[in-house]
């Protein structure tokens, strides 16, 4: 009606003001092609995003198949390129088979909801990624959040359950702190009480395990029928998309039951081609995984952070505004660092999140050390 004041969005103004006062307002900052910043914020752990073989892999698939997948995987969205990637990823991590999704997020949503449901139990680690948290909420199962890496709590919960089926979900490498899940112990408990263990290897593949095969492989659990691996193709594999890896029965069930597989358009062929090429580079150059951990150790030495177990080095500063100011100061001096604030991390643990990259040069590490020491000295003064 003309002249009538619309107040339906007033609540957003109040919410934004509260976020700004708490130091939690976020802004999009587009990257530029020629950015002079040294990257310590992305998840390009192996430094393959601009690798010529990876770019050519994307271009070859683009030329052959076109720009889009054209439909869902069950209609027209599956190409031979998708099937080859699934086979290659499964062989790499030691699984029977794989199923590619449009993202790591949809892979987790699809796998968790299809493997649980009403009348089942999900036990989720308190540090699990948001995609696993959202999957649990959508599952319609009874969900118990376990204290971080608490195997005793997990055992007690599975032992006392009344549900016939149980699913345990966790990251392998936790994205905020970079610490490792106790997968061997968790699997032992799952095996004892008849539960499936689902492990998100988003930050594990390319970094942990022999040649970057992931923490599940490193833990001796590759190929176990009651272990399901999910992963993203957008971190170490420098592309886009997600995958679920596991027993052939798991794959067959997901094709029939995973809604984010059935109703979503398939992953674009160029992304598939890039991921295949990145995996090939990693297999030819397995020491890239060791290089990531070496650079992470150097970052920890500079910042005084705990000795890292992954590519992630967390420098906890506490206050969100302090973390934001430190990240801004780093940017002003040539470093792009991650700034994690609630809800990404718990209250009181806002931080700089630094991610190592295998291809960081000696001169870059020298500049990084100078800037981080100066910024952190000022922040902690």
Protein backbone atom coordinates (compact mmCIF):
# COMPACT_ATOMS: atom_id res chain seq x y z
CA UNK A 1 0.00 0.00 0.00
CA UNK A 2 1.42 3.39 -1.02
CA UNK A 3 2.68 5.41 1.91
CA UNK A 4 2.64 2.54 4.39
CA UNK A 5 5.94 2.04 6.22
CA UNK A 6 7.30 -1.49 5.92
CA UNK A 7 8.79 -2.59 9.26
CA UNK A 8 9.27 -6.28 8.46
CA UNK A 9 13.07 -5.96 8.23
CA UNK A 10 13.63 -3.74 11.25
CA UNK A 11 14.84 -6.69 13.28
CA UNK A 12 17.80 -7.09 10.91
CA UNK A 13 19.00 -3.59 11.77
CA UNK A 14 19.03 -4.45 15.47
CA UNK A 15 20.82 -7.76 14.84
CA UNK A 16 23.48 -6.04 12.75
CA UNK A 17 24.06 -3.44 15.45
CA UNK A 18 24.53 -6.17 18.06
CA UNK A 19 26.99 -8.02 15.84
CA UNK A 20 28.96 -4.87 15.15
CA UNK A 21 29.14 -4.04 18.88
CA UNK A 22 30.43 -7.55 19.62
CA UNK A 23 33.10 -7.36 16.91
CA UNK A 24 31.38 -10.08 14.89
CA UNK A 25 30.37 -8.22 11.71
CA UNK A 26 31.73 -9.84 8.58
CA UNK A 27 32.48 -8.43 5.14
CA UNK A 28 33.28 -9.95 1.77
CA UNK A 29 36.70 -8.99 0.43
CA UNK A 30 37.19 -10.15 -3.16
CA UNK A 31 40.67 -11.34 -4.06
CA UNK A 32 42.44 -9.73 -6.98
CA UNK A 33 44.39 -11.71 -9.54
CA UNK A 34 47.56 -9.75 -8.83
CA UNK A 35 47.23 -9.54 -5.04
CA UNK A 36 50.63 -8.88 -3.42
CA UNK A 37 49.55 -10.54 -0.15
CA UNK A 38 51.23 -13.74 1.02
CA UNK A 39 48.45 -16.26 1.51
CA UNK A 40 48.17 -17.78 4.98
CA UNK A 41 44.38 -17.98 4.94
CA UNK A 42 43.32 -20.31 2.13
CA UNK A 43 43.05 -24.09 2.19
CA UNK A 44 45.30 -24.55 -0.85
CA UNK A 45 47.58 -26.70 1.29
CA UNK A 46 49.57 -28.24 -1.53
CA UNK A 47 49.86 -25.06 -3.60
CA UNK A 48 48.11 -26.62 -6.60
CA UNK A 49 45.42 -24.05 -7.42
CA UNK A 50 47.59 -22.46 -10.12
CA UNK A 51 49.59 -25.56 -11.04
CA UNK A 52 49.68 -25.84 -14.85
CA UNK A 53 48.68 -29.50 -14.83
CA UNK A 54 45.63 -28.75 -12.67
CA UNK A 55 44.56 -25.87 -14.91
CA UNK A 56 45.02 -28.02 -18.00
CA UNK A 57 43.01 -30.81 -16.37
CA UNK A 58 40.13 -28.40 -15.89
CA UNK A 59 40.45 -27.02 -19.42
CA UNK A 60 40.56 -30.46 -21.03
CA UNK A 61 37.37 -31.52 -19.23
CA UNK A 62 35.74 -28.18 -20.09
CA UNK A 63 36.55 -28.58 -23.78
CA UNK A 64 35.32 -32.17 -23.83
CA UNK A 65 32.16 -31.94 -21.72
CA UNK A 66 31.20 -28.26 -21.67
CA UNK A 67 30.71 -25.83 -18.81
CA UNK A 68 28.05 -27.60 -16.73
CA UNK A 69 27.03 -31.09 -15.70
CA UNK A 70 23.57 -30.41 -17.28
CA UNK A 71 21.59 -32.30 -14.65
CA UNK A 72 21.61 -34.40 -11.51
CA UNK A 73 23.99 -37.34 -11.31
CA UNK A 74 21.10 -39.79 -11.84
CA UNK A 75 19.87 -38.07 -15.01
CA UNK A 76 22.58 -36.49 -17.20
CA UNK A 77 25.10 -35.26 -14.64
CA UNK A 78 27.39 -38.29 -14.56
CA UNK A 79 30.24 -38.40 -17.07
CA UNK A 80 33.05 -40.89 -17.47
CA UNK A 81 35.21 -38.17 -15.89
CA UNK A 82 33.15 -38.40 -12.67
CA UNK A 83 33.47 -42.18 -12.58
CA UNK A 84 37.23 -42.07 -13.14
CA UNK A 85 37.66 -39.58 -10.28
CA UNK A 86 35.64 -41.82 -7.98
CA UNK A 87 37.79 -44.83 -8.80
CA UNK A 88 41.05 -42.90 -8.47
CA UNK A 89 40.12 -41.33 -5.12
CA UNK A 90 38.97 -44.67 -3.73
CA UNK A 91 42.20 -46.37 -4.77
CA UNK A 92 44.23 -43.52 -3.30
CA UNK A 93 42.70 -43.71 0.19
CA UNK A 94 42.23 -47.51 0.18
CA UNK A 95 38.43 -47.60 -0.02
CA UNK A 96 36.25 -49.91 -2.10
CA UNK A 97 34.45 -47.13 -3.93
CA UNK A 98 33.61 -43.44 -4.02
CA UNK A 99 30.71 -41.17 -4.86
CA UNK A 100 31.28 -37.56 -5.93
CA UNK A 101 28.96 -34.77 -4.74
CA UNK A 102 28.77 -31.10 -5.70
CA UNK A 103 30.57 -29.99 -2.50
CA UNK A 104 32.05 -31.30 0.71
CA UNK A 105 29.07 -29.80 2.53
CA UNK A 106 26.55 -31.76 0.46
CA UNK A 107 28.64 -34.91 0.80
CA UNK A 108 28.34 -34.68 4.59
CA UNK A 109 24.65 -33.81 4.48
CA UNK A 110 23.93 -36.69 2.13
CA UNK A 111 26.00 -39.32 3.91
CA UNK A 112 24.89 -38.53 7.48
CA UNK A 113 21.18 -38.25 6.73
CA UNK A 114 21.15 -41.38 4.54
CA UNK A 115 23.02 -43.46 7.14
CA UNK A 116 20.85 -42.42 10.10
CA UNK A 117 17.24 -41.28 10.32
CA UNK A 118 14.39 -41.77 12.81
CA UNK A 119 15.03 -44.51 15.33
CA UNK A 120 18.81 -44.25 15.10
CA UNK A 121 21.49 -42.54 17.20
CA UNK A 122 24.18 -40.12 16.06
CA UNK A 123 27.11 -39.26 18.31
CA UNK A 124 28.90 -36.16 17.05
CA UNK A 125 32.17 -34.75 18.35
CA UNK A 126 31.76 -31.24 19.78
CA UNK A 127 34.41 -29.98 17.35
CA UNK A 128 32.74 -31.36 14.21
CA UNK A 129 32.47 -29.07 11.20
CA UNK A 130 29.28 -27.08 10.64
CA UNK A 131 28.32 -29.36 7.73
CA UNK A 132 28.27 -32.35 10.09
CA UNK A 133 26.35 -30.34 12.68
CA UNK A 134 23.74 -29.36 10.10
CA UNK A 135 23.56 -32.94 8.85
CA UNK A 136 22.83 -34.13 12.37
CA UNK A 137 20.04 -31.56 12.71
CA UNK A 138 18.48 -32.74 9.44
CA UNK A 139 18.83 -36.43 10.22
CA UNK A 140 15.74 -36.81 12.46
CA UNK A 141 17.87 -39.14 14.58
CA UNK A 142 18.58 -38.73 18.27
CA UNK A 143 21.79 -36.69 18.42
CA UNK A 144 24.27 -36.70 21.30
CA UNK A 145 27.14 -34.21 21.19
CA UNK A 146 30.24 -35.78 22.72
CA UNK A 147 32.92 -33.72 24.49
CA UNK A 148 35.83 -33.15 22.14
CA UNK A 149 37.79 -36.38 21.46
CA UNK A 150 36.30 -38.05 24.56
CA UNK A 151 36.43 -41.76 23.75
CA UNK A 152 35.13 -42.75 27.20
CA UNK A 153 32.00 -40.66 26.72
CA UNK A 154 31.54 -42.21 23.28
CA UNK A 155 31.75 -45.71 24.73
CA UNK A 156 29.26 -44.92 27.51
CA UNK A 157 26.81 -43.40 25.03
CA UNK A 158 26.95 -46.32 22.60
CA UNK A 159 26.77 -48.87 25.40
CA UNK A 160 23.61 -47.39 26.87
CA UNK A 161 21.75 -46.66 23.64
CA UNK A 162 18.31 -48.09 22.93
CA UNK A 163 18.46 -47.55 19.17
CA UNK A 164 19.34 -50.45 16.89
CA UNK A 165 21.57 -48.35 14.60
CA UNK A 166 24.25 -45.84 15.54
CA UNK A 167 26.48 -43.49 13.59
CA UNK A 168 29.52 -41.69 15.03
CA UNK A 169 30.69 -38.57 13.18
CA UNK A 170 33.90 -36.58 13.54
CA UNK A 171 36.48 -34.58 11.66
CA UNK A 172 39.84 -36.29 11.27
CA UNK A 173 41.68 -32.96 11.49
CA UNK A 174 39.62 -30.33 13.26
CA UNK A 175 39.41 -27.19 11.17
CA UNK A 176 39.79 -24.53 13.87
CA UNK A 177 42.54 -26.00 16.09
CA UNK A 178 44.15 -28.40 13.62
CA UNK A 179 44.27 -31.23 16.19
CA UNK A 180 43.66 -34.88 15.33
CA UNK A 181 40.79 -37.15 16.29
CA UNK A 182 41.73 -40.39 18.12
CA UNK A 183 40.44 -42.48 15.24
CA UNK A 184 41.88 -45.87 16.26
CA UNK A 185 40.32 -45.67 19.69
CA UNK A 186 37.03 -44.37 18.30
CA UNK A 187 36.86 -47.18 15.76
CA UNK A 188 37.55 -49.79 18.41
CA UNK A 189 34.58 -48.50 20.40
CA UNK A 190 32.39 -48.34 17.30
CA UNK A 191 33.30 -51.92 16.36
CA UNK A 192 32.57 -53.14 19.88
CA UNK A 193 29.10 -51.59 19.96
CA UNK A 194 28.08 -52.01 16.33
CA UNK A 195 28.28 -48.41 15.16
CA UNK A 196 29.45 -46.92 11.86
CA UNK A 197 32.28 -44.38 12.08
CA UNK A 198 32.04 -41.48 9.61
CA UNK A 199 35.20 -39.37 9.33
CA UNK A 200 35.40 -36.03 7.53
CA UNK A 201 38.89 -35.92 5.99
CA UNK A 202 38.53 -32.40 4.56
CA UNK A 203 41.73 -31.25 6.27
CA UNK A 204 43.43 -34.65 6.39
CA UNK A 205 43.76 -35.71 2.76
CA UNK A 206 46.86 -34.21 1.22
CA UNK A 207 48.42 -33.53 4.62
CA UNK A 208 48.30 -36.62 6.87
CA UNK A 209 49.18 -40.22 6.06
CA UNK A 210 51.59 -41.75 3.56
CA UNK A 211 51.71 -39.42 0.57
CA UNK A 212 48.74 -37.46 1.90
CA UNK A 213 46.29 -40.36 1.98
CA UNK A 214 44.62 -39.03 5.11
CA UNK A 215 44.42 -39.79 8.81
CA UNK A 216 42.08 -42.76 8.30
CA UNK A 217 44.77 -44.43 6.17
CA UNK A 218 47.49 -43.40 8.63
CA UNK A 219 45.46 -44.92 11.48
CA UNK A 220 45.28 -48.30 9.73
CA UNK A 221 41.54 -48.05 9.08
CA UNK A 222 41.54 -47.83 5.29
CA UNK A 223 39.06 -50.23 3.75
CA UNK A 224 37.31 -51.15 7.00
CA UNK A 225 33.64 -51.78 6.09
CA UNK A 226 32.31 -49.86 9.10
CA UNK A 227 34.36 -46.71 8.31
CA UNK A 228 33.01 -44.06 5.93
CA UNK A 229 35.25 -41.23 4.73
CA UNK A 230 33.94 -37.92 3.47
CA UNK A 231 36.15 -35.24 1.97
CA UNK A 232 36.15 -32.05 -0.03
CA UNK A 233 37.98 -31.54 -3.30
CA UNK A 234 38.43 -27.83 -2.58
CA UNK A 235 41.40 -27.93 -0.22
CA UNK A 236 44.44 -30.06 -1.00
CA UNK A 237 42.95 -31.06 -4.35
CA UNK A 238 42.61 -27.42 -5.40
CA UNK A 239 39.21 -27.74 -7.03
CA UNK A 240 35.57 -27.90 -5.96
CA UNK A 241 33.24 -30.69 -4.89
CA UNK A 242 33.03 -33.47 -2.34
CA UNK A 243 33.22 -37.23 -2.11
CA UNK A 244 32.07 -40.10 0.09
CA UNK A 245 34.43 -43.10 0.18
CA UNK A 246 33.73 -46.49 1.68
CA UNK A 247 32.26 -49.95 1.23
CA UNK A 248 30.42 -50.72 -2.01
CA UNK A 249 27.19 -51.15 -0.01
CA UNK A 250 27.54 -47.61 1.29
CA UNK A 251 27.87 -46.21 -2.22
CA UNK A 252 24.87 -48.15 -3.49
CA UNK A 253 22.76 -46.95 -0.56
CA UNK A 254 23.74 -43.31 -1.07
CA UNK A 255 22.83 -43.44 -4.76
CA UNK A 256 19.32 -44.49 -3.69
CA UNK A 257 18.92 -42.46 -0.50
CA UNK A 258 21.20 -39.38 -0.27
CA UNK A 259 18.97 -36.44 -1.12
CA UNK A 260 21.88 -34.07 -1.80
CA UNK A 261 23.07 -36.55 -4.42
CA UNK A 262 19.70 -37.34 -5.98
CA UNK A 263 18.30 -33.82 -6.23
CA UNK A 264 21.44 -31.71 -6.81
CA UNK A 265 23.08 -30.94 -10.14
CA UNK A 266 26.26 -32.94 -10.64
CA UNK A 267 29.70 -31.42 -10.15
CA UNK A 268 30.84 -29.38 -13.17
CA UNK A 269 33.22 -31.35 -15.42
CA UNK A 270 35.98 -28.72 -15.17
CA UNK A 271 36.06 -29.18 -11.38
CA UNK A 272 36.25 -32.94 -11.83
CA UNK A 273 39.12 -32.63 -14.30
CA UNK A 274 41.01 -30.27 -12.00
CA UNK A 275 40.64 -32.61 -9.02
CA UNK A 276 41.87 -35.58 -11.05
CA UNK A 277 44.91 -33.62 -12.18
CA UNK A 278 45.66 -32.44 -8.63
CA UNK A 279 45.46 -35.99 -7.33
CA UNK A 280 47.88 -37.08 -10.05
CA UNK A 281 50.35 -34.37 -9.04
CA UNK A 282 50.14 -35.44 -5.39
CA UNK A 283 50.78 -39.06 -6.34
CA UNK A 284 53.83 -38.05 -8.38
CA UNK A 285 55.08 -35.69 -5.67
CA UNK A 286 54.09 -37.24 -2.33
CA UNK A 287 56.59 -35.13 -0.39
CA UNK A 288 54.25 -32.15 -0.77
CA UNK A 289 52.38 -33.52 2.24
CA UNK A 290 55.57 -33.43 4.32
CA UNK A 291 56.33 -29.92 3.08
CA UNK A 292 52.98 -28.69 4.40
CA UNK A 293 53.74 -30.01 7.88
CA UNK A 294 57.26 -28.53 7.79
CA UNK A 295 55.90 -25.07 6.95
CA UNK A 296 53.26 -25.40 9.66
CA UNK A 297 55.96 -26.21 12.21
CA UNK A 298 57.85 -23.06 11.20
CA UNK A 299 54.68 -20.96 11.63
CA UNK A 300 54.15 -22.41 15.09
CA UNK A 301 57.73 -21.59 16.08
CA UNK A 302 57.26 -17.98 15.00
CA UNK A 303 53.95 -17.47 16.79
CA UNK A 304 54.52 -19.56 19.90
CA UNK A 305 51.55 -21.75 19.01
CA UNK A 306 51.51 -25.44 20.02
CA UNK A 307 53.38 -27.85 17.77
CA UNK A 308 51.01 -28.47 14.85
CA UNK A 309 49.67 -31.85 13.70
CA UNK A 310 48.26 -30.52 10.45
CA UNK A 311 48.39 -27.52 8.12
CA UNK A 312 46.42 -25.42 10.62
CA UNK A 313 48.19 -23.20 13.16
CA UNK A 314 45.84 -21.44 15.58
CA UNK A 315 46.95 -18.33 17.47
CA UNK A 316 44.26 -17.76 20.10
CA UNK A 317 43.85 -14.11 21.09
CA UNK A 318 40.54 -14.34 22.96
CA UNK A 319 38.67 -11.14 22.15
CA UNK A 320 37.05 -10.98 18.68
CA UNK A 321 38.00 -7.35 18.10
CA UNK A 322 41.60 -8.09 19.05
CA UNK A 323 41.69 -10.93 16.54
CA UNK A 324 40.13 -8.75 13.84
CA UNK A 325 42.60 -5.93 14.50
CA UNK A 326 45.54 -8.34 14.37
CA UNK A 327 44.33 -9.80 11.07
CA UNK A 328 43.94 -6.27 9.68
CA UNK A 329 47.45 -5.34 10.80
CA UNK A 330 48.81 -8.44 9.06
CA UNK A 331 46.99 -7.49 5.88
CA UNK A 332 48.42 -3.97 6.02
CA UNK A 333 51.90 -5.52 6.14
CA UNK A 334 51.41 -8.00 3.32
CA UNK A 335 49.95 -11.13 4.94
CA UNK A 336 46.48 -12.53 4.42
CA UNK A 337 45.61 -14.54 7.53
CA UNK A 338 42.39 -16.15 8.70
CA UNK A 339 40.39 -14.51 11.49
CA UNK A 340 38.09 -16.94 13.29
CA UNK A 341 35.47 -15.52 15.65
CA UNK A 342 32.23 -16.93 17.10
CA UNK A 343 30.27 -18.83 15.90
CA UNK A 344 33.19 -20.42 14.03
CA UNK A 345 34.95 -20.93 17.38
CA UNK A 346 33.71 -20.86 21.01
CA UNK A 347 33.29 -17.59 22.87
CA UNK A 348 36.56 -16.28 24.26
CA UNK A 349 38.73 -18.14 21.72
CA UNK A 350 38.80 -15.76 18.75
CA UNK A 351 42.03 -16.27 16.87
CA UNK A 352 44.27 -15.91 13.90
CA UNK A 353 44.04 -19.11 11.90
CA UNK A 354 47.15 -19.60 9.81
CA UNK A 355 47.26 -22.26 7.12
CA UNK A 356 50.54 -23.59 5.83
CA UNK A 357 51.18 -24.22 2.15
CA UNK A 358 53.72 -26.63 0.71
CA UNK A 359 55.01 -24.06 -1.77
CA UNK A 360 55.83 -21.21 0.63
CA UNK A 361 59.38 -20.09 -0.22
CA UNK A 362 62.22 -19.33 2.18
CA UNK A 363 61.97 -15.61 1.43
CA UNK A 364 58.22 -15.66 2.05
CA UNK A 365 58.74 -17.43 5.36
CA UNK A 366 61.24 -14.74 6.38
CA UNK A 367 58.73 -11.98 5.64
CA UNK A 368 55.97 -13.93 7.41
CA UNK A 369 58.12 -14.27 10.52
CA UNK A 370 58.92 -10.55 10.63
CA UNK A 371 55.29 -9.48 10.27
CA UNK A 372 53.80 -12.01 12.68
CA UNK A 373 56.34 -11.26 15.40
CA UNK A 374 55.66 -7.53 15.12
CA UNK A 375 51.86 -7.83 15.00
CA UNK A 376 51.62 -10.34 17.84
CA UNK A 377 54.01 -8.34 20.01
CA UNK A 378 51.70 -5.35 19.68
CA UNK A 379 48.57 -7.43 20.23
CA UNK A 380 49.87 -9.11 23.36
CA UNK A 381 51.44 -5.98 24.86
